[in-house]
Amino acid sequence: GFWGRLQALFAQWIVVRRRGGGDTPAGIVENAEDALAEDNLANAIQQLNRLPDAPKRIAQPWIDDATRRLEIDTHMAAIRTELSRGS
């Protein structure tokens, strides 16, 4: 009927993405994206380090950059703490 055709028409345009892919590469990347959305860079790096070899090789430049960023953020936080103690 009419509603079935309308539903089929909308189904062509709407893509439903399953959440919670678990330990699949897609699930691991999804978990990393969620960690970034929560401003948790350390967890995002940890998640991507769980990738199998081939996908991890692709992600490695990002992982390396993110690790350097996390190190910088950690050092900056330590400097801020020291400066606040000295004031």
Protein backbone atom coordinates (compact mmCIF):
# COMPACT_ATOMS: atom_id res chain seq x y z
CA GLY A 1 0.00 0.00 0.00
CA PHE A 2 0.81 3.65 0.19
CA TRP A 3 2.61 3.43 3.56
CA GLY A 4 4.75 0.52 2.40
CA ARG A 5 5.88 2.45 -0.69
CA LEU A 6 6.58 5.51 1.43
CA GLN A 7 8.60 3.43 3.88
CA ALA A 8 10.57 1.85 1.02
CA LEU A 9 11.27 5.29 -0.42
CA PHE A 10 12.62 6.56 2.90
CA ALA A 11 14.63 3.38 3.44
CA GLN A 12 16.66 4.24 0.34
CA TRP A 13 17.87 7.46 1.97
CA ILE A 14 18.24 6.46 5.58
CA VAL A 15 21.27 4.47 6.65
CA VAL A 16 21.17 2.98 10.12
CA ARG A 17 24.56 2.39 11.60
CA ARG A 18 24.75 -0.30 14.22
CA ARG A 19 26.51 0.75 17.38
CA GLY A 20 28.67 -1.50 19.45
CA GLY A 21 30.75 -3.38 16.88
CA GLY A 22 32.76 -4.85 19.73
CA ASP A 23 36.19 -6.17 18.85
CA THR A 24 35.87 -5.81 15.09
CA PRO A 25 38.05 -3.13 13.50
CA ALA A 26 34.93 -1.04 12.88
CA GLY A 27 33.88 -1.46 16.51
CA ILE A 28 37.31 -0.51 17.77
CA VAL A 29 37.33 2.65 15.63
CA GLU A 30 33.83 3.43 16.85
CA ASN A 31 35.00 3.09 20.46
CA ALA A 32 37.91 5.44 19.68
CA GLU A 33 35.50 7.96 18.15
CA ASP A 34 33.33 7.77 21.26
CA ALA A 35 36.38 8.35 23.45
CA LEU A 36 37.31 11.42 21.41
CA ALA A 37 33.76 12.72 21.67
CA GLU A 38 34.20 12.46 25.45
CA ASP A 39 37.53 14.33 25.19
CA ASN A 40 39.45 11.22 26.28
CA LEU A 41 42.46 11.09 23.99
CA ALA A 42 44.26 8.46 26.08
CA ASN A 43 41.37 6.03 25.72
CA ALA A 44 41.11 6.71 21.97
CA ILE A 45 44.79 5.84 21.58
CA GLN A 46 44.34 2.73 23.71
CA GLN A 47 41.40 1.63 21.58
CA LEU A 48 43.24 2.10 18.27
CA ASN A 49 46.24 0.19 19.59
CA ARG A 50 43.91 -2.82 19.79
CA LEU A 51 43.44 -2.87 16.00
CA PRO A 52 44.73 -5.86 14.04
CA ASP A 53 48.01 -5.32 12.16
CA ALA A 54 46.72 -4.14 8.75
CA PRO A 55 44.23 -1.52 10.00
CA LYS A 56 46.67 -0.45 12.71
CA ARG A 57 49.33 0.29 10.09
CA ILE A 58 46.85 2.65 8.44
CA ALA A 59 45.99 4.30 11.75
CA GLN A 60 49.59 4.42 13.02
CA PRO A 61 50.40 7.98 11.87
CA TRP A 62 47.31 9.25 13.73
CA ILE A 63 48.17 7.15 16.79
CA ASP A 64 51.73 8.56 16.79
CA ASP A 65 50.50 12.15 16.46
CA ALA A 66 47.87 11.64 19.16
CA THR A 67 50.45 10.09 21.49
CA ARG A 68 52.74 13.10 21.03
CA ARG A 69 49.78 15.42 21.69
CA LEU A 70 48.94 13.51 24.88
CA GLU A 71 52.57 13.77 26.03
CA ILE A 72 52.56 17.52 25.39
CA ASP A 73 49.26 17.94 27.23
CA THR A 74 50.66 15.96 30.19
CA HIS A 75 53.81 18.12 30.32
CA MET A 76 51.77 21.31 30.04
CA ALA A 77 49.56 20.20 32.93
CA ALA A 78 52.65 19.50 35.04
CA ILE A 79 54.05 22.94 34.22
CA ARG A 80 50.76 24.62 35.12
CA THR A 81 50.71 22.73 38.43
CA GLU A 82 54.27 23.82 39.22
CA LEU A 83 53.53 27.42 38.32
CA SER A 84 50.44 27.49 40.50
CA ARG A 85 52.47 26.19 43.43
CA GLY A 86 55.09 28.91 42.95
CA SER A 87 52.56 31.74 42.95
